Amino acid sequence: MNNVRSCILFVKVRVVLHFAKVNESKLDVKEDLHMEGMNVQTAVLLAVIVVGMVFAARRMYRVFSLKDDCCGGGAKDSSKKFKAQRVSDMNEANYKHALDLKIGGMTCEKCVENVQNAINSVDAGNVWARVDLGSKTAHILSKNALDQASVEEAVEAAGYFVSRR
C-alpha cells in the first residue's frame, strides 16, 4: 500500500509543479498534496478485486489456448486425453458401417472435439466420428464392423457417457 501512496503522491507533485510552472502562480503545495488515507474496507475490496482479476486472466488464457474446456464442465478430471485424430478419407461411400449414439456430458465445442478424438482412436484410419453438440449425438462411420462396446468404452474413458435413448 505504501508504494501505491508513494506513486499517487509523486503524480500529484508532478501535476502541481506542472500547473505552477504553467500558471506561474504561487501554490500552497502542502495544501494541494493533502491525501486522505485509504480505509481498511477499501483496501480489502481492492485486494479481492485484484486477486479475482488474476484468476480470471489465468482462466481466460487456459480457455483461449484450448488447454481447458470453456465451460468448466464436460470431461471428468480422471478422463483420458486422446490424441487429435485426423480423418483422411471423408468420402461416406467408403464407410460400410454406421452407428448413432446419444452422448451425455458435453457442454461445449471442446467437449465435442474430445469425444470425436476418443471415437476416432478406436480404429484409427477406419473410423470417422461426427459429433453434434446441439443434438448431443455422435454419428460414427466405419470401414470395418464396429463393436459398440469399444466405442462406448472410449467415450467413457474420455470422461463422457453414452445415454440410452
Protein backbone atom coordinates (compact mmCIF):
# COMPACT_ATOMS: atom_id res chain seq x y z
CA MET A 1 0.00 0.00 0.00
CA ASN A 2 2.86 2.39 0.70
CA ASN A 3 4.06 2.01 -2.88
CA VAL A 4 0.60 2.97 -4.17
CA ARG A 5 0.51 6.01 -1.90
CA SER A 6 4.02 6.99 -2.98
CA CYS A 7 3.04 6.73 -6.65
CA ILE A 8 -0.10 8.79 -6.10
CA LEU A 9 1.89 11.38 -4.15
CA PHE A 10 4.51 11.54 -6.91
CA VAL A 11 1.84 12.07 -9.57
CA LYS A 12 0.19 14.79 -7.52
CA VAL A 13 3.53 16.55 -7.01
CA ARG A 14 4.21 16.43 -10.77
CA VAL A 15 0.76 17.79 -11.58
CA VAL A 16 1.04 20.59 -9.02
CA LEU A 17 4.51 21.56 -10.20
CA HIS A 18 3.38 21.48 -13.81
CA PHE A 19 0.47 23.82 -13.11
CA ALA A 20 2.73 26.00 -11.01
CA LYS A 21 5.02 26.48 -14.00
CA VAL A 22 2.15 26.97 -16.43
CA ASN A 23 0.24 29.47 -14.32
CA GLU A 24 3.33 30.98 -12.69
CA SER A 25 1.31 31.49 -9.62
CA LYS A 26 2.14 30.64 -6.06
CA LEU A 27 0.52 27.43 -4.91
CA ASP A 28 0.41 26.06 -1.47
CA VAL A 29 1.92 22.65 -2.31
CA LYS A 30 1.29 21.39 1.19
CA GLU A 31 -2.46 22.04 0.88
CA ASP A 32 -2.76 20.62 -2.65
CA LEU A 33 -0.93 17.42 -1.76
CA HIS A 34 -3.20 16.58 1.15
CA MET A 35 -4.06 12.93 0.70
CA GLU A 36 -6.68 11.09 2.61
CA GLY A 37 -5.74 7.64 3.84
CA MET A 38 -7.36 4.55 2.37
CA ASN A 39 -9.62 2.84 4.89
CA VAL A 40 -9.34 -0.88 5.59
CA GLN A 41 -12.56 -1.83 3.81
CA THR A 42 -11.42 -0.17 0.59
CA ALA A 43 -8.01 -1.87 0.78
CA VAL A 44 -9.62 -5.29 1.31
CA LEU A 45 -12.07 -4.73 -1.52
CA LEU A 46 -9.27 -3.63 -3.83
CA ALA A 47 -7.21 -6.72 -2.92
CA VAL A 48 -10.18 -9.03 -3.59
CA ILE A 49 -10.79 -7.40 -6.97
CA VAL A 50 -7.12 -7.73 -7.96
CA VAL A 51 -6.98 -11.39 -6.92
CA GLY A 52 -10.21 -12.10 -8.81
CA MET A 53 -8.82 -10.44 -11.91
CA VAL A 54 -5.65 -12.54 -11.73
CA PHE A 55 -7.67 -15.77 -11.52
CA ALA A 56 -9.96 -14.64 -14.35
CA ALA A 57 -6.98 -13.82 -16.56
CA ARG A 58 -5.42 -17.23 -15.89
CA ARG A 59 -8.71 -18.95 -16.73
CA MET A 60 -9.16 -16.95 -19.92
CA TYR A 61 -5.63 -17.85 -21.03
CA ARG A 62 -6.25 -21.56 -20.44
CA VAL A 63 -9.58 -21.49 -22.28
CA PHE A 64 -8.41 -19.48 -25.28
CA SER A 65 -5.27 -21.58 -25.63
CA LEU A 66 -7.59 -24.67 -25.61
CA LYS A 67 -5.96 -26.18 -22.53
CA ASP A 68 -9.30 -26.22 -20.66
CA ASP A 69 -12.95 -26.57 -21.52
CA CYS A 70 -14.67 -23.25 -21.85
CA CYS A 71 -17.48 -24.19 -19.55
CA GLY A 72 -15.63 -25.95 -16.77
CA GLY A 73 -17.96 -28.90 -17.21
CA GLY A 74 -17.65 -31.79 -19.58
CA ALA A 75 -14.95 -34.34 -19.03
CA LYS A 76 -14.18 -35.69 -15.60
CA ASP A 77 -10.80 -34.96 -14.04
CA SER A 78 -9.84 -38.63 -14.33
CA SER A 79 -10.57 -38.69 -18.06
CA LYS A 80 -8.01 -39.81 -20.58
CA LYS A 81 -6.72 -37.29 -23.09
CA PHE A 82 -6.89 -38.65 -26.61
CA LYS A 83 -4.51 -37.52 -29.31
CA ALA A 84 -6.16 -35.49 -32.07
CA GLN A 85 -7.18 -37.81 -34.90
CA ARG A 86 -7.35 -36.52 -38.46
CA VAL A 87 -9.71 -38.31 -40.77
CA SER A 88 -8.10 -38.56 -44.19
CA ASP A 89 -10.94 -40.35 -46.01
CA MET A 90 -14.04 -38.15 -45.92
CA ASN A 91 -15.97 -39.99 -48.60
CA GLU A 92 -19.00 -41.50 -46.88
CA ALA A 93 -19.35 -44.12 -49.63
CA ASN A 94 -16.14 -45.79 -48.37
CA TYR A 95 -17.66 -46.47 -44.96
CA LYS A 96 -19.92 -49.51 -44.90
CA HIS A 97 -20.99 -49.48 -41.25
CA ALA A 98 -22.77 -46.76 -39.29
CA LEU A 99 -23.65 -46.26 -35.64
CA ASP A 100 -25.52 -43.45 -33.90
CA LEU A 101 -25.07 -42.82 -30.17
CA LYS A 102 -26.52 -40.31 -27.74
CA ILE A 103 -23.61 -38.75 -25.80
CA GLY A 104 -24.07 -37.13 -22.39
CA GLY A 105 -21.88 -34.68 -20.51
CA MET A 106 -20.93 -32.46 -23.45
CA THR A 107 -21.31 -28.73 -22.90
CA CYS A 108 -19.02 -27.01 -25.43
CA GLU A 109 -17.08 -27.43 -28.67
CA LYS A 110 -14.02 -28.62 -26.76
CA CYS A 111 -16.17 -31.47 -25.42
CA VAL A 112 -17.21 -32.31 -29.00
CA GLU A 113 -13.56 -32.41 -30.03
CA ASN A 114 -12.68 -34.68 -27.09
CA VAL A 115 -15.47 -37.14 -27.95
CA GLN A 116 -14.57 -37.18 -31.65
CA ASN A 117 -10.91 -37.87 -30.88
CA ALA A 118 -11.86 -40.66 -28.48
CA ILE A 119 -14.14 -42.38 -31.01
CA ASN A 120 -11.76 -41.88 -33.94
CA SER A 121 -8.99 -43.55 -31.94
CA VAL A 122 -10.97 -46.81 -31.61
CA ASP A 123 -9.86 -47.98 -35.04
CA ALA A 124 -7.64 -45.18 -36.35
CA GLY A 125 -7.96 -44.63 -40.07
CA ASN A 126 -11.09 -46.74 -40.34
CA VAL A 127 -13.49 -44.74 -38.15
CA TRP A 128 -14.96 -41.32 -38.76
CA ALA A 129 -16.98 -39.76 -35.95
CA ARG A 130 -19.06 -36.62 -36.33
CA VAL A 131 -20.40 -35.30 -33.06
CA ASP A 132 -23.18 -32.70 -32.83
CA LEU A 133 -23.37 -30.62 -29.68
CA GLY A 134 -26.93 -29.41 -30.33
CA SER A 135 -28.46 -32.86 -30.52
CA LYS A 136 -25.73 -34.42 -28.32
CA THR A 137 -25.31 -37.28 -30.77
CA ALA A 138 -22.39 -38.99 -32.42
CA HIS A 139 -22.74 -40.34 -35.94
CA ILE A 140 -19.98 -42.91 -36.42
CA LEU A 141 -18.98 -44.34 -39.77
CA SER A 142 -16.63 -47.29 -40.04
CA LYS A 143 -14.97 -49.24 -42.83
CA ASN A 144 -14.88 -52.40 -40.69
CA ALA A 145 -17.52 -53.91 -38.42
CA LEU A 146 -17.62 -51.74 -35.34
CA ASP A 147 -18.02 -53.00 -31.80
CA GLN A 148 -20.42 -50.64 -29.99
CA ALA A 149 -18.98 -51.62 -26.60
CA SER A 150 -15.47 -50.47 -27.60
CA VAL A 151 -16.87 -47.12 -28.79
CA GLU A 152 -18.76 -46.68 -25.52
CA GLU A 153 -15.60 -47.53 -23.55
CA ALA A 154 -13.65 -44.86 -25.48
CA VAL A 155 -16.35 -42.25 -24.81
CA GLU A 156 -16.37 -43.13 -21.11
CA ALA A 157 -12.56 -43.07 -20.98
CA ALA A 158 -12.72 -39.51 -22.33
CA GLY A 159 -14.95 -38.58 -19.39
CA TYR A 160 -18.39 -38.58 -21.04
CA PHE A 161 -21.17 -41.15 -21.14
CA VAL A 162 -23.39 -42.86 -23.67
CA SER A 163 -27.01 -42.40 -22.73
CA ARG A 164 -29.68 -44.89 -23.61
CA ARG A 165 -32.49 -43.36 -25.63
